[in-house]
Amino acid sequence: MKKQAIITGAYGAIGKAITLGLAEKAYSVILVGRNSGKLEAACKEIAELTGNKDITPACVDLSSEQEIKAFASRLDKDIDLLINNAATTPHKRTETADGIEMQWAVNVLGYMRMMKYIQPLMPEKSRIVNVASYWAGGLDLNDVEFRKRPYDNDTAYRQSKQADRMLSAFFAEKFKPFNLTVNSCHPGDVNSKLSNSMGFGGHETPSQGAATPLWLALSPDVEGITGQYFEHRHPVNCSFSQKNSDNLALFEVCKKYIK
């Protein structure tokens, strides 16, 4: 039976390369993002390149819990793989329709909400891969939305990627009774819209950037491994997520945003 995958941020440079890799492995893939035109174009391109016609767009605002919950409720099949990849880095502090700072809403709460609402649809031995970054740090649990600190998109991004790595470790423990694995990774240094928005370029191709997320999604080498952070297909010690108490403290902050 064909395996089913969901990937967020699927029409960005790395996201599209990940989706292409899944399509080549005959996965049925649901591409999630907020721009319907870009989603449709990505689906068409990937279907033409791979011959896999089971590529479906899902227009979802990942800053909105309501839209994520509604999306999950519409799914009528088991989900074997969830790849959280979407991220945003606005130059100025921006709030969602719910009044939440945009990077925190998309890059962190978006991951958490997708895990929360998709997990009940995932059979045993399913995998969750959270695309984080080695560019991480500076998490301030007393000011996650930059209401006290001056907003800087680079600082906010680093904070969000630290949070993603910590939440991955937290949910890895939480989902162990369901025999699901949750891992995070640095994808690669790709010249993308996201990296450009923070003033960076990149020396790797999108396919090179997608290599580690795809490996975590597909390789038998990591079957049963959970709660780890990876770079270049190798586990790397993550100083942020070593203490369960720290991961729990972050979760408690995030939980306040769940309606």
C-alpha atoms as a PDB file:
ATOM      1  CA  MET A   1       0.000   0.000   0.000  1.00  0.00           C
ATOM      2  CA  LYS A   2       1.300   3.448  -0.926  1.00  0.00           C
ATOM      3  CA  LYS A   3       2.727   5.420   1.968  1.00  0.00           C
ATOM      4  CA  GLN A   4       1.329   8.857   2.717  1.00  0.00           C
ATOM      5  CA  ALA A   5       3.455  11.904   3.585  1.00  0.00           C
ATOM      6  CA  ILE A   6       2.777  15.505   4.529  1.00  0.00           C
ATOM      7  CA  ILE A   7       5.394  18.217   4.085  1.00  0.00           C
ATOM      8  CA  THR A   8       5.002  21.860   5.069  1.00  0.00           C
ATOM      9  CA  GLY A   9       6.791  24.676   3.297  1.00  0.00           C
ATOM     10  CA  ALA A  10       6.836  22.428   0.255  1.00  0.00           C
ATOM     11  CA  TYR A  11       7.362  25.022  -2.470  1.00  0.00           C
ATOM     12  CA  GLY A  12      10.524  26.592  -1.025  1.00  0.00           C
ATOM     13  CA  ALA A  13      13.958  25.536  -2.275  1.00  0.00           C
ATOM     14  CA  ILE A  14      14.592  22.793   0.288  1.00  0.00           C
ATOM     15  CA  GLY A  15      10.934  21.842   0.691  1.00  0.00           C
ATOM     16  CA  LYS A  16      10.488  21.212  -3.017  1.00  0.00           C
ATOM     17  CA  ALA A  17      13.662  19.111  -3.126  1.00  0.00           C
ATOM     18  CA  ILE A  18      12.407  17.020  -0.198  1.00  0.00           C
ATOM     19  CA  THR A  19       9.045  16.573  -1.891  1.00  0.00           C
ATOM     20  CA  LEU A  20      10.756  15.525  -5.108  1.00  0.00           C
ATOM     21  CA  GLY A  21      12.705  12.876  -3.209  1.00  0.00           C
ATOM     22  CA  LEU A  22       9.535  11.499  -1.615  1.00  0.00           C
ATOM     23  CA  ALA A  23       7.698  11.468  -4.933  1.00  0.00           C
ATOM     24  CA  GLU A  24      10.558   9.516  -6.513  1.00  0.00           C
ATOM     25  CA  LYS A  25      10.093   6.892  -3.776  1.00  0.00           C
ATOM     26  CA  ALA A  26       6.419   6.570  -4.793  1.00  0.00           C
ATOM     27  CA  TYR A  27       5.017   8.290  -1.725  1.00  0.00           C
ATOM     28  CA  SER A  28       1.640   9.941  -1.908  1.00  0.00           C
ATOM     29  CA  VAL A  29       2.552  13.478  -0.861  1.00  0.00           C
ATOM     30  CA  ILE A  30       0.424  16.319   0.451  1.00  0.00           C
ATOM     31  CA  LEU A  31       2.133  19.688   0.006  1.00  0.00           C
ATOM     32  CA  VAL A  32       1.128  22.225   2.655  1.00  0.00           C
ATOM     33  CA  GLY A  33       1.563  25.989   2.363  1.00  0.00           C
ATOM     34  CA  ARG A  34      -0.373  29.225   2.241  1.00  0.00           C
ATOM     35  CA  ASN A  35       0.178  30.264  -1.398  1.00  0.00           C
ATOM     36  CA  SER A  36      -2.214  28.270  -3.582  1.00  0.00           C
ATOM     37  CA  GLY A  37      -0.560  29.326  -6.833  1.00  0.00           C
ATOM     38  CA  LYS A  38       2.894  28.190  -5.720  1.00  0.00           C
ATOM     39  CA  LEU A  39       1.445  24.954  -4.343  1.00  0.00           C
ATOM     40  CA  GLU A  40      -0.281  24.133  -7.629  1.00  0.00           C
ATOM     41  CA  ALA A  41       2.859  24.926  -9.613  1.00  0.00           C
ATOM     42  CA  ALA A  42       5.027  22.768  -7.340  1.00  0.00           C
ATOM     43  CA  CYS A  43       2.614  19.838  -7.565  1.00  0.00           C
ATOM     44  CA  LYS A  44       2.541  20.046 -11.352  1.00  0.00           C
ATOM     45  CA  GLU A  45       6.329  20.306 -11.615  1.00  0.00           C
ATOM     46  CA  ILE A  46       6.982  17.369  -9.276  1.00  0.00           C
ATOM     47  CA  ALA A  47       4.375  15.181 -10.980  1.00  0.00           C
ATOM     48  CA  GLU A  48       5.933  15.890 -14.380  1.00  0.00           C
ATOM     49  CA  LEU A  49       9.487  15.252 -13.164  1.00  0.00           C
ATOM     50  CA  THR A  50       8.744  11.997 -11.356  1.00  0.00           C
ATOM     51  CA  GLY A  51       5.693  10.571 -13.087  1.00  0.00           C
ATOM     52  CA  ASN A  52       4.056  10.351  -9.664  1.00  0.00           C
ATOM     53  CA  LYS A  53       0.573  11.822 -10.029  1.00  0.00           C
ATOM     54  CA  ASP A  54      -0.349  11.372  -6.380  1.00  0.00           C
ATOM     55  CA  ILE A  55       0.879  14.822  -5.377  1.00  0.00           C
ATOM     56  CA  THR A  56      -1.772  16.970  -3.714  1.00  0.00           C
ATOM     57  CA  PRO A  57      -1.799  20.637  -2.647  1.00  0.00           C
ATOM     58  CA  ALA A  58      -3.310  21.768   0.660  1.00  0.00           C
ATOM     59  CA  CYS A  59      -3.614  25.502   1.194  1.00  0.00           C
ATOM     60  CA  VAL A  60      -3.154  26.055   4.925  1.00  0.00           C
ATOM     61  CA  ASP A  61      -2.058  29.109   6.892  1.00  0.00           C
ATOM     62  CA  LEU A  62       0.455  27.515   9.249  1.00  0.00           C
ATOM     63  CA  SER A  63       0.291  30.506  11.592  1.00  0.00           C
ATOM     64  CA  SER A  64      -3.316  29.572  12.378  1.00  0.00           C
ATOM     65  CA  GLU A  65      -4.264  26.786  14.758  1.00  0.00           C
ATOM     66  CA  GLN A  66      -7.800  26.838  13.382  1.00  0.00           C
ATOM     67  CA  GLU A  67      -6.597  26.166   9.824  1.00  0.00           C
ATOM     68  CA  ILE A  68      -4.192  23.407  10.893  1.00  0.00           C
ATOM     69  CA  LYS A  69      -6.913  21.702  12.923  1.00  0.00           C
ATOM     70  CA  ALA A  70      -9.374  21.965  10.023  1.00  0.00           C
ATOM     71  CA  PHE A  71      -6.793  20.540   7.620  1.00  0.00           C
ATOM     72  CA  ALA A  72      -6.174  17.545   9.875  1.00  0.00           C
ATOM     73  CA  SER A  73      -9.901  16.916  10.218  1.00  0.00           C
ATOM     74  CA  ARG A  74     -10.244  16.672   6.428  1.00  0.00           C
ATOM     75  CA  LEU A  75      -7.654  13.922   6.083  1.00  0.00           C
ATOM     76  CA  ASP A  76      -9.217  10.547   5.400  1.00  0.00           C
ATOM     77  CA  LYS A  77      -6.120   8.334   5.321  1.00  0.00           C
ATOM     78  CA  ASP A  78      -3.266   7.250   7.550  1.00  0.00           C
ATOM     79  CA  ILE A  79      -0.197   9.490   7.518  1.00  0.00           C
ATOM     80  CA  ASP A  80       3.105   7.624   7.602  1.00  0.00           C
ATOM     81  CA  LEU A  81       5.396  10.635   7.505  1.00  0.00           C
ATOM     82  CA  LEU A  82       5.191  14.258   8.633  1.00  0.00           C
ATOM     83  CA  ILE A  83       7.973  16.659   7.694  1.00  0.00           C
ATOM     84  CA  ASN A  84       7.714  20.079   9.321  1.00  0.00           C
ATOM     85  CA  ASN A  85       9.780  22.354   7.109  1.00  0.00           C
ATOM     86  CA  ALA A  86       7.916  25.671   6.806  1.00  0.00           C
ATOM     87  CA  ALA A  87       9.577  28.799   8.174  1.00  0.00           C
ATOM     88  CA  THR A  88       9.282  32.535   7.808  1.00  0.00           C
ATOM     89  CA  THR A  89      11.646  35.392   8.694  1.00  0.00           C
ATOM     90  CA  PRO A  90       9.927  38.775   8.281  1.00  0.00           C
ATOM     91  CA  HIS A  91      12.268  41.753   8.587  1.00  0.00           C
ATOM     92  CA  LYS A  92       9.871  43.652  10.841  1.00  0.00           C
ATOM     93  CA  ARG A  93       7.951  42.280  13.785  1.00  0.00           C
ATOM     94  CA  THR A  94       4.646  41.043  12.393  1.00  0.00           C
ATOM     95  CA  GLU A  95       1.660  39.512  14.129  1.00  0.00           C
ATOM     96  CA  THR A  96      -0.784  36.888  12.937  1.00  0.00           C
ATOM     97  CA  ALA A  97      -4.555  37.398  12.842  1.00  0.00           C
ATOM     98  CA  ASP A  98      -4.540  35.901  16.354  1.00  0.00           C
ATOM     99  CA  GLY A  99      -2.059  38.518  17.581  1.00  0.00           C
ATOM    100  CA  ILE A 100       0.975  36.183  17.831  1.00  0.00           C
ATOM    101  CA  GLU A 101       4.431  37.179  16.594  1.00  0.00           C
ATOM    102  CA  MET A 102       4.793  35.598  13.160  1.00  0.00           C
ATOM    103  CA  GLN A 103       8.045  33.637  13.532  1.00  0.00           C
ATOM    104  CA  TRP A 104       6.921  32.137  16.824  1.00  0.00           C
ATOM    105  CA  ALA A 105       3.549  31.265  15.298  1.00  0.00           C
ATOM    106  CA  VAL A 106       4.850  29.616  12.109  1.00  0.00           C
ATOM    107  CA  ASN A 107       8.307  28.308  12.970  1.00  0.00           C
ATOM    108  CA  VAL A 108       7.471  26.963  16.424  1.00  0.00           C
ATOM    109  CA  LEU A 109       3.732  26.728  17.074  1.00  0.00           C
ATOM    110  CA  GLY A 110       3.170  25.579  13.497  1.00  0.00           C
ATOM    111  CA  TYR A 111       5.435  22.569  14.137  1.00  0.00           C
ATOM    112  CA  MET A 112       3.803  21.844  17.478  1.00  0.00           C
ATOM    113  CA  ARG A 113       0.249  22.121  16.145  1.00  0.00           C
ATOM    114  CA  MET A 114       0.987  19.907  13.147  1.00  0.00           C
ATOM    115  CA  MET A 115       2.426  17.252  15.452  1.00  0.00           C
ATOM    116  CA  LYS A 116      -0.529  17.531  17.819  1.00  0.00           C
ATOM    117  CA  TYR A 117      -3.257  17.243  15.198  1.00  0.00           C
ATOM    118  CA  ILE A 118      -1.582  14.835  12.753  1.00  0.00           C
ATOM    119  CA  GLN A 119      -0.236  12.351  15.322  1.00  0.00           C
ATOM    120  CA  PRO A 120      -3.646  10.630  15.867  1.00  0.00           C
ATOM    121  CA  LEU A 121      -3.627   9.768  12.142  1.00  0.00           C
ATOM    122  CA  MET A 122      -0.168   8.156  12.230  1.00  0.00           C
ATOM    123  CA  PRO A 123       0.147   4.361  12.534  1.00  0.00           C
ATOM    124  CA  GLU A 124       2.942   2.653  14.431  1.00  0.00           C
ATOM    125  CA  LYS A 125       6.480   3.139  13.075  1.00  0.00           C
ATOM    126  CA  SER A 126       5.536   6.423  11.415  1.00  0.00           C
ATOM    127  CA  ARG A 127       8.096   9.196  11.437  1.00  0.00           C
ATOM    128  CA  ILE A 128       8.121  12.920  12.157  1.00  0.00           C
ATOM    129  CA  VAL A 129      11.053  14.964  10.877  1.00  0.00           C
ATOM    130  CA  ASN A 130      11.402  18.554  12.048  1.00  0.00           C
ATOM    131  CA  VAL A 131      13.681  20.704   9.903  1.00  0.00           C
ATOM    132  CA  ALA A 132      15.552  22.870  12.399  1.00  0.00           C
ATOM    133  CA  SER A 133      19.021  24.403  11.982  1.00  0.00           C
ATOM    134  CA  TYR A 134      22.480  24.613  13.459  1.00  0.00           C
ATOM    135  CA  TRP A 135      21.756  28.359  13.439  1.00  0.00           C
ATOM    136  CA  ALA A 136      19.988  28.185  16.776  1.00  0.00           C
ATOM    137  CA  GLY A 137      20.063  29.725  20.246  1.00  0.00           C
ATOM    138  CA  GLY A 138      18.938  32.660  22.325  1.00  0.00           C
ATOM    139  CA  LEU A 139      15.570  31.290  23.405  1.00  0.00           C
ATOM    140  CA  ASP A 140      13.950  33.579  25.995  1.00  0.00           C
ATOM    141  CA  LEU A 141      10.946  31.861  27.540  1.00  0.00           C
ATOM    142  CA  ASN A 142       9.961  35.126  29.203  1.00  0.00           C
ATOM    143  CA  ASP A 143       9.766  36.973  25.895  1.00  0.00           C
ATOM    144  CA  VAL A 144       9.219  34.496  23.067  1.00  0.00           C
ATOM    145  CA  GLU A 145       7.273  37.058  21.002  1.00  0.00           C
ATOM    146  CA  PHE A 146       9.727  39.944  21.314  1.00  0.00           C
ATOM    147  CA  ARG A 147       7.301  42.142  23.214  1.00  0.00           C
ATOM    148  CA  LYS A 148      10.094  43.319  25.530  1.00  0.00           C
ATOM    149  CA  ARG A 149      13.221  42.820  23.416  1.00  0.00           C
ATOM    150  CA  PRO A 150      13.929  44.705  20.204  1.00  0.00           C
ATOM    151  CA  TYR A 151      12.841  42.482  17.324  1.00  0.00           C
ATOM    152  CA  ASP A 152      15.515  41.192  14.967  1.00  0.00           C
ATOM    153  CA  ASN A 153      14.594  38.599  12.357  1.00  0.00           C
ATOM    154  CA  ASP A 154      17.874  36.725  12.718  1.00  0.00           C
ATOM    155  CA  THR A 155      17.555  36.562  16.521  1.00  0.00           C
ATOM    156  CA  ALA A 156      13.929  35.453  16.240  1.00  0.00           C
ATOM    157  CA  TYR A 157      14.860  32.762  13.726  1.00  0.00           C
ATOM    158  CA  ARG A 158      17.675  31.373  15.901  1.00  0.00           C
ATOM    159  CA  GLN A 159      15.297  31.273  18.857  1.00  0.00           C
ATOM    160  CA  SER A 160      12.673  29.428  16.818  1.00  0.00           C
ATOM    161  CA  LYS A 161      15.143  26.788  15.630  1.00  0.00           C
ATOM    162  CA  GLN A 162      16.340  26.173  19.182  1.00  0.00           C
ATOM    163  CA  ALA A 163      12.725  25.706  20.173  1.00  0.00           C
ATOM    164  CA  ASP A 164      12.162  23.262  17.298  1.00  0.00           C
ATOM    165  CA  ARG A 165      15.049  21.107  18.445  1.00  0.00           C
ATOM    166  CA  MET A 166      13.764  21.108  22.028  1.00  0.00           C
ATOM    167  CA  LEU A 167      10.166  20.364  21.037  1.00  0.00           C
ATOM    168  CA  SER A 168      11.378  17.483  18.882  1.00  0.00           C
ATOM    169  CA  ALA A 169      13.002  15.903  21.929  1.00  0.00           C
ATOM    170  CA  PHE A 170       9.904  16.558  24.028  1.00  0.00           C
ATOM    171  CA  PHE A 171       7.496  15.000  21.534  1.00  0.00           C
ATOM    172  CA  ALA A 172       9.839  12.084  20.937  1.00  0.00           C
ATOM    173  CA  GLU A 173       9.233  11.105  24.562  1.00  0.00           C
ATOM    174  CA  LYS A 174       5.536  11.948  24.416  1.00  0.00           C
ATOM    175  CA  PHE A 175       4.955   9.789  21.325  1.00  0.00           C
ATOM    176  CA  LYS A 176       6.972   6.744  22.420  1.00  0.00           C
ATOM    177  CA  PRO A 177       3.820   4.899  23.573  1.00  0.00           C
ATOM    178  CA  PHE A 178       2.518   5.211  19.993  1.00  0.00           C
ATOM    179  CA  ASN A 179       5.752   3.789  18.542  1.00  0.00           C
ATOM    180  CA  LEU A 180       6.406   6.969  16.538  1.00  0.00           C
ATOM    181  CA  THR A 181       9.799   8.603  16.065  1.00  0.00           C
ATOM    182  CA  VAL A 182      10.514  12.338  16.142  1.00  0.00           C
ATOM    183  CA  ASN A 183      13.876  13.728  15.071  1.00  0.00           C
ATOM    184  CA  SER A 184      15.192  17.138  14.046  1.00  0.00           C
ATOM    185  CA  CYS A 185      17.966  18.153  11.709  1.00  0.00           C
ATOM    186  CA  HIS A 186      19.929  20.896  10.039  1.00  0.00           C
ATOM    187  CA  PRO A 187      19.067  20.596   6.341  1.00  0.00           C
ATOM    188  CA  GLY A 188      22.046  22.269   4.683  1.00  0.00           C
ATOM    189  CA  ASP A 189      23.265  25.696   3.633  1.00  0.00           C
ATOM    190  CA  VAL A 190      21.122  26.473   0.595  1.00  0.00           C
ATOM    191  CA  ASN A 191      20.786  29.819  -1.136  1.00  0.00           C
ATOM    192  CA  SER A 192      17.061  30.353  -0.563  1.00  0.00           C
ATOM    193  CA  LYS A 193      14.502  33.062   0.024  1.00  0.00           C
ATOM    194  CA  LEU A 194      14.703  32.329   3.751  1.00  0.00           C
ATOM    195  CA  SER A 195      18.493  32.546   3.986  1.00  0.00           C
ATOM    196  CA  ASN A 196      18.515  35.682   1.828  1.00  0.00           C
ATOM    197  CA  SER A 197      16.016  37.348   4.160  1.00  0.00           C
ATOM    198  CA  MET A 198      18.595  37.094   6.961  1.00  0.00           C
ATOM    199  CA  GLY A 199      21.441  38.315   4.777  1.00  0.00           C
ATOM    200  CA  PHE A 200      22.954  34.929   3.992  1.00  0.00           C
ATOM    201  CA  GLY A 201      23.561  33.017   0.795  1.00  0.00           C
ATOM    202  CA  GLY A 202      24.387  29.322   0.661  1.00  0.00           C
ATOM    203  CA  HIS A 203      26.872  26.966  -0.979  1.00  0.00           C
ATOM    204  CA  GLU A 204      24.745  23.827  -1.293  1.00  0.00           C
ATOM    205  CA  THR A 205      22.143  22.882  -3.890  1.00  0.00           C
ATOM    206  CA  PRO A 206      18.536  22.291  -2.785  1.00  0.00           C
ATOM    207  CA  SER A 207      19.012  18.536  -3.302  1.00  0.00           C
ATOM    208  CA  GLN A 208      22.078  18.607  -1.028  1.00  0.00           C
ATOM    209  CA  GLY A 209      20.079  20.576   1.538  1.00  0.00           C
ATOM    210  CA  ALA A 210      17.283  18.009   1.366  1.00  0.00           C
ATOM    211  CA  ALA A 211      19.602  15.016   1.841  1.00  0.00           C
ATOM    212  CA  THR A 212      19.491  14.805   5.639  1.00  0.00           C
ATOM    213  CA  PRO A 213      15.712  15.352   6.031  1.00  0.00           C
ATOM    214  CA  LEU A 214      15.089  12.728   3.329  1.00  0.00           C
ATOM    215  CA  TRP A 215      17.484  10.295   4.981  1.00  0.00           C
ATOM    216  CA  LEU A 216      15.664  10.706   8.302  1.00  0.00           C
ATOM    217  CA  ALA A 217      12.356  10.210   6.508  1.00  0.00           C
ATOM    218  CA  LEU A 218      13.271   7.161   4.454  1.00  0.00           C
ATOM    219  CA  SER A 219      16.383   5.343   5.627  1.00  0.00           C
ATOM    220  CA  PRO A 220      16.148   2.006   7.457  1.00  0.00           C
ATOM    221  CA  ASP A 221      19.330   3.077   9.272  1.00  0.00           C
ATOM    222  CA  VAL A 222      17.320   5.350  11.565  1.00  0.00           C
ATOM    223  CA  GLU A 223      14.330   3.096  12.153  1.00  0.00           C
ATOM    224  CA  GLY A 224      13.402   3.274  15.827  1.00  0.00           C
ATOM    225  CA  ILE A 225      15.794   6.141  16.569  1.00  0.00           C
ATOM    226  CA  THR A 226      14.021   9.062  18.168  1.00  0.00           C
ATOM    227  CA  GLY A 227      14.674  12.338  19.980  1.00  0.00           C
ATOM    228  CA  GLN A 228      17.949  13.036  18.176  1.00  0.00           C
ATOM    229  CA  TYR A 229      19.329  16.024  16.278  1.00  0.00           C
ATOM    230  CA  PHE A 230      21.256  15.401  13.030  1.00  0.00           C
ATOM    231  CA  GLU A 231      23.607  17.256  10.721  1.00  0.00           C
ATOM    232  CA  HIS A 232      24.927  15.744   7.469  1.00  0.00           C
ATOM    233  CA  ARG A 233      23.260  12.419   8.334  1.00  0.00           C
ATOM    234  CA  HIS A 234      25.096  12.157  11.630  1.00  0.00           C
ATOM    235  CA  PRO A 235      23.721  12.566  15.160  1.00  0.00           C
ATOM    236  CA  VAL A 236      25.051  15.688  16.838  1.00  0.00           C
ATOM    237  CA  ASN A 237      24.904  16.465  20.531  1.00  0.00           C
ATOM    238  CA  CYS A 238      22.204  19.092  21.086  1.00  0.00           C
ATOM    239  CA  SER A 239      22.981  21.085  24.219  1.00  0.00           C
ATOM    240  CA  PHE A 240      19.546  22.744  24.124  1.00  0.00           C
ATOM    241  CA  SER A 241      17.440  19.598  24.490  1.00  0.00           C
ATOM    242  CA  GLN A 242      19.458  17.530  26.988  1.00  0.00           C
ATOM    243  CA  LYS A 243      17.357  18.436  30.017  1.00  0.00           C
ATOM    244  CA  ASN A 244      13.793  17.133  30.060  1.00  0.00           C
ATOM    245  CA  SER A 245      12.912  19.927  32.473  1.00  0.00           C
ATOM    246  CA  ASP A 246      13.960  22.558  29.916  1.00  0.00           C
ATOM    247  CA  ASN A 247      11.961  20.865  27.171  1.00  0.00           C
ATOM    248  CA  LEU A 248       8.948  20.668  29.459  1.00  0.00           C
ATOM    249  CA  ALA A 249       9.250  24.357  30.360  1.00  0.00           C
ATOM    250  CA  LEU A 250       9.179  25.244  26.655  1.00  0.00           C
ATOM    251  CA  PHE A 251       6.197  22.967  26.069  1.00  0.00           C
ATOM    252  CA  GLU A 252       4.301  24.616  28.928  1.00  0.00           C
ATOM    253  CA  VAL A 253       4.854  28.019  27.294  1.00  0.00           C
ATOM    254  CA  CYS A 254       3.713  26.689  23.919  1.00  0.00           C
ATOM    255  CA  LYS A 255       0.724  24.901  25.403  1.00  0.00           C
ATOM    256  CA  LYS A 256      -0.751  28.230  26.443  1.00  0.00           C
ATOM    257  CA  TYR A 257      -1.262  28.998  22.755  1.00  0.00           C
ATOM    258  CA  ILE A 258      -3.301  25.850  22.100  1.00  0.00           C
ATOM    259  CA  LYS A 259      -7.005  26.581  22.200  1.00  0.00           C
END
